[in-house]
Amino acid sequence: MGNGIKTGGRKKGTPNKLTKEIRSTLKNVLFDELEHLENNLSQLEPKERIELVIKLMPYVCPKIESIRHTTNEPLDFGFDE
């Protein structure tokens, strides 16, 4: 049993049925909520609405990170004028 050979259970690569069902259910709930999102947002107080929009932004807009110069990187990028 401890020799690394699989002798029972699901075959490698076979999806877990429970996980598949849970994901499908959550996907349906999410799509239903998205249909009501605009109306629900308008019912929130301005502060709550902004907080929710800020929480949702990373799923739509990627974060921009600043670029820093380190001591071993060249300052000249080889663009000759």
N, C-alpha and C. Protein backbone atom coordinates (compact mmCIF):
# COMPACT_ATOMS: atom_id res chain seq x y z
N MET A 1 0.83 -1.19 0.00
CA MET A 1 0.00 0.00 0.00
C MET A 1 0.87 1.25 0.00
N GLY A 2 1.97 1.27 0.71
CA GLY A 2 2.80 2.45 0.81
C GLY A 2 3.85 2.54 -0.27
N ASN A 3 3.72 1.78 -1.34
CA ASN A 3 4.74 1.78 -2.38
C ASN A 3 4.48 2.80 -3.48
N GLY A 4 3.47 3.64 -3.38
CA GLY A 4 3.20 4.69 -4.35
C GLY A 4 2.33 4.25 -5.51
N ILE A 5 1.87 3.05 -5.51
CA ILE A 5 1.00 2.56 -6.57
C ILE A 5 -0.45 2.72 -6.13
N LYS A 6 -1.22 3.38 -6.97
CA LYS A 6 -2.63 3.62 -6.65
C LYS A 6 -3.43 2.36 -6.95
N THR A 7 -4.17 1.86 -5.95
CA THR A 7 -4.89 0.61 -6.13
C THR A 7 -6.40 0.76 -6.09
N GLY A 8 -6.91 1.95 -5.82
CA GLY A 8 -8.36 2.13 -5.74
C GLY A 8 -8.74 3.58 -5.82
N GLY A 9 -10.01 3.85 -5.71
CA GLY A 9 -10.50 5.23 -5.73
C GLY A 9 -10.60 5.76 -7.15
N ARG A 10 -10.65 7.09 -7.27
CA ARG A 10 -10.73 7.71 -8.59
C ARG A 10 -9.43 7.53 -9.35
N LYS A 11 -9.55 7.42 -10.64
CA LYS A 11 -8.37 7.36 -11.50
C LYS A 11 -7.77 8.76 -11.60
N LYS A 12 -6.49 8.84 -11.87
CA LYS A 12 -5.80 10.12 -11.98
C LYS A 12 -6.46 10.95 -13.08
N GLY A 13 -6.77 12.21 -12.76
CA GLY A 13 -7.39 13.12 -13.72
C GLY A 13 -8.90 13.11 -13.72
N THR A 14 -9.52 12.18 -13.02
CA THR A 14 -10.98 12.13 -12.94
C THR A 14 -11.46 13.23 -12.00
N PRO A 15 -12.37 14.11 -12.48
CA PRO A 15 -12.82 15.21 -11.62
C PRO A 15 -13.66 14.71 -10.45
N ASN A 16 -13.56 15.41 -9.34
CA ASN A 16 -14.34 15.11 -8.16
C ASN A 16 -15.77 15.58 -8.41
N LYS A 17 -16.75 14.69 -8.28
CA LYS A 17 -18.15 15.02 -8.59
C LYS A 17 -18.70 16.09 -7.67
N LEU A 18 -18.37 16.02 -6.38
CA LEU A 18 -18.87 17.01 -5.43
C LEU A 18 -18.32 18.39 -5.75
N THR A 19 -17.03 18.48 -6.04
CA THR A 19 -16.42 19.77 -6.39
C THR A 19 -17.07 20.34 -7.64
N LYS A 20 -17.32 19.48 -8.62
CA LYS A 20 -17.95 19.92 -9.86
C LYS A 20 -19.36 20.46 -9.59
N GLU A 21 -20.12 19.78 -8.75
CA GLU A 21 -21.48 20.23 -8.42
C GLU A 21 -21.46 21.55 -7.65
N ILE A 22 -20.54 21.68 -6.70
CA ILE A 22 -20.44 22.91 -5.92
C ILE A 22 -20.08 24.08 -6.82
N ARG A 23 -19.11 23.89 -7.71
CA ARG A 23 -18.71 24.96 -8.63
C ARG A 23 -19.86 25.35 -9.54
N SER A 24 -20.60 24.38 -10.03
CA SER A 24 -21.73 24.66 -10.91
C SER A 24 -22.80 25.46 -10.17
N THR A 25 -23.10 25.07 -8.94
CA THR A 25 -24.09 25.79 -8.14
C THR A 25 -23.64 27.22 -7.86
N LEU A 26 -22.38 27.38 -7.46
CA LEU A 26 -21.87 28.72 -7.17
C LEU A 26 -21.86 29.60 -8.43
N LYS A 27 -21.55 28.99 -9.56
CA LYS A 27 -21.56 29.73 -10.82
C LYS A 27 -22.96 30.24 -11.12
N ASN A 28 -23.98 29.40 -10.93
CA ASN A 28 -25.36 29.81 -11.15
C ASN A 28 -25.78 30.93 -10.20
N VAL A 29 -25.41 30.82 -8.93
CA VAL A 29 -25.72 31.86 -7.95
C VAL A 29 -25.07 33.18 -8.36
N LEU A 30 -23.81 33.11 -8.77
CA LEU A 30 -23.08 34.31 -9.16
C LEU A 30 -23.74 34.98 -10.36
N PHE A 31 -24.11 34.22 -11.38
CA PHE A 31 -24.75 34.80 -12.54
C PHE A 31 -26.09 35.44 -12.18
N ASP A 32 -26.85 34.81 -11.29
CA ASP A 32 -28.12 35.40 -10.85
C ASP A 32 -27.88 36.72 -10.12
N GLU A 33 -26.85 36.75 -9.28
CA GLU A 33 -26.55 37.98 -8.54
C GLU A 33 -26.05 39.09 -9.46
N LEU A 34 -25.30 38.74 -10.48
CA LEU A 34 -24.79 39.75 -11.42
C LEU A 34 -25.93 40.46 -12.14
N GLU A 35 -27.02 39.74 -12.38
CA GLU A 35 -28.18 40.36 -13.02
C GLU A 35 -28.80 41.45 -12.14
N HIS A 36 -28.67 41.30 -10.84
CA HIS A 36 -29.27 42.25 -9.89
C HIS A 36 -28.25 43.24 -9.32
N LEU A 37 -27.01 43.13 -9.74
CA LEU A 37 -25.94 43.93 -9.14
C LEU A 37 -26.19 45.44 -9.25
N GLU A 38 -26.53 45.91 -10.44
CA GLU A 38 -26.74 47.34 -10.63
C GLU A 38 -27.85 47.88 -9.73
N ASN A 39 -28.95 47.17 -9.64
CA ASN A 39 -30.06 47.59 -8.79
C ASN A 39 -29.65 47.56 -7.32
N ASN A 40 -28.96 46.50 -6.92
CA ASN A 40 -28.53 46.38 -5.52
C ASN A 40 -27.52 47.47 -5.15
N LEU A 41 -26.63 47.80 -6.07
CA LEU A 41 -25.66 48.86 -5.80
C LEU A 41 -26.37 50.20 -5.57
N SER A 42 -27.38 50.48 -6.36
CA SER A 42 -28.08 51.76 -6.23
C SER A 42 -28.81 51.88 -4.90
N GLN A 43 -29.09 50.76 -4.24
CA GLN A 43 -29.79 50.79 -2.96
C GLN A 43 -28.84 50.96 -1.78
N LEU A 44 -27.54 50.85 -2.01
CA LEU A 44 -26.57 50.99 -0.93
C LEU A 44 -26.29 52.46 -0.64
N GLU A 45 -25.84 52.71 0.56
CA GLU A 45 -25.37 54.06 0.91
C GLU A 45 -24.10 54.34 0.11
N PRO A 46 -23.81 55.60 -0.19
CA PRO A 46 -22.63 55.92 -1.00
C PRO A 46 -21.33 55.29 -0.46
N LYS A 47 -21.12 55.33 0.85
CA LYS A 47 -19.90 54.77 1.43
C LYS A 47 -19.83 53.27 1.18
N GLU A 48 -20.95 52.57 1.38
CA GLU A 48 -20.98 51.12 1.17
C GLU A 48 -20.76 50.78 -0.31
N ARG A 49 -21.34 51.61 -1.19
CA ARG A 49 -21.22 51.38 -2.63
C ARG A 49 -19.75 51.51 -3.06
N ILE A 50 -19.07 52.55 -2.58
CA ILE A 50 -17.66 52.75 -2.91
C ILE A 50 -16.82 51.59 -2.37
N GLU A 51 -17.08 51.16 -1.14
CA GLU A 51 -16.32 50.05 -0.55
C GLU A 51 -16.48 48.78 -1.38
N LEU A 52 -17.70 48.51 -1.84
CA LEU A 52 -17.94 47.32 -2.65
C LEU A 52 -17.24 47.43 -4.01
N VAL A 53 -17.32 48.59 -4.63
CA VAL A 53 -16.65 48.80 -5.92
C VAL A 53 -15.14 48.60 -5.77
N ILE A 54 -14.57 49.10 -4.69
CA ILE A 54 -13.13 48.94 -4.44
C ILE A 54 -12.78 47.46 -4.28
N LYS A 55 -13.64 46.71 -3.60
CA LYS A 55 -13.38 45.28 -3.42
C LYS A 55 -13.49 44.51 -4.73
N LEU A 56 -14.36 44.96 -5.64
CA LEU A 56 -14.56 44.26 -6.91
C LEU A 56 -13.53 44.64 -7.97
N MET A 57 -12.90 45.80 -7.84
CA MET A 57 -11.97 46.30 -8.85
C MET A 57 -10.83 45.32 -9.19
N PRO A 58 -10.20 44.66 -8.24
CA PRO A 58 -9.09 43.76 -8.61
C PRO A 58 -9.51 42.62 -9.54
N TYR A 59 -10.79 42.32 -9.61
CA TYR A 59 -11.25 41.25 -10.49
C TYR A 59 -11.43 41.74 -11.93
N VAL A 60 -11.39 43.06 -12.11
CA VAL A 60 -11.60 43.64 -13.44
C VAL A 60 -10.35 44.35 -13.94
N CYS A 61 -9.73 45.13 -13.06
CA CYS A 61 -8.54 45.91 -13.43
C CYS A 61 -7.32 45.34 -12.73
N PRO A 62 -6.27 45.02 -13.49
CA PRO A 62 -5.06 44.51 -12.84
C PRO A 62 -4.36 45.60 -12.03
N LYS A 63 -3.70 45.20 -10.95
CA LYS A 63 -2.95 46.16 -10.15
C LYS A 63 -1.70 46.57 -10.91
N ILE A 64 -1.34 47.82 -10.81
CA ILE A 64 -0.14 48.33 -11.45
C ILE A 64 0.92 48.49 -10.36
N GLU A 65 2.08 47.91 -10.60
CA GLU A 65 3.16 48.01 -9.63
C GLU A 65 4.22 48.95 -10.15
N SER A 66 4.83 49.69 -9.25
CA SER A 66 5.90 50.59 -9.67
C SER A 66 7.15 49.78 -9.98
N ILE A 67 7.95 50.31 -10.87
CA ILE A 67 9.20 49.66 -11.26
C ILE A 67 10.33 50.39 -10.57
N ARG A 68 11.23 49.64 -9.96
CA ARG A 68 12.35 50.25 -9.24
C ARG A 68 13.66 49.86 -9.88
N HIS A 69 14.60 50.77 -9.83
CA HIS A 69 15.94 50.52 -10.36
C HIS A 69 16.78 49.86 -9.26
N THR A 70 17.44 48.78 -9.60
CA THR A 70 18.37 48.17 -8.65
C THR A 70 19.78 48.44 -9.10
N THR A 71 20.72 48.24 -8.22
CA THR A 71 22.11 48.62 -8.50
C THR A 71 22.75 47.85 -9.64
N ASN A 72 22.32 46.66 -9.95
CA ASN A 72 22.95 45.88 -11.00
C ASN A 72 22.27 46.03 -12.37
N GLU A 73 21.23 46.80 -12.46
CA GLU A 73 20.55 47.01 -13.73
C GLU A 73 21.10 48.25 -14.41
N PRO A 74 21.25 48.20 -15.73
CA PRO A 74 21.77 49.37 -16.45
C PRO A 74 20.73 50.49 -16.51
N LEU A 75 21.20 51.73 -16.45
CA LEU A 75 20.32 52.87 -16.59
C LEU A 75 20.02 53.13 -18.06
N ASP A 76 20.94 52.77 -18.96
CA ASP A 76 20.76 52.94 -20.39
C ASP A 76 20.14 51.68 -20.96
N PHE A 77 19.00 51.82 -21.62
CA PHE A 77 18.31 50.66 -22.17
C PHE A 77 18.71 50.38 -23.61
N GLY A 78 19.74 51.07 -24.12
CA GLY A 78 20.25 50.82 -25.47
C GLY A 78 19.50 51.54 -26.56
N PHE A 79 18.69 52.53 -26.22
CA PHE A 79 17.98 53.29 -27.22
C PHE A 79 18.87 54.46 -27.63
N ASP A 80 19.46 54.37 -28.79
CA ASP A 80 20.31 55.45 -29.29
C ASP A 80 19.47 56.38 -30.14
N GLU A 81 19.70 57.66 -29.95
CA GLU A 81 18.93 58.63 -30.71
C GLU A 81 19.71 59.11 -31.89
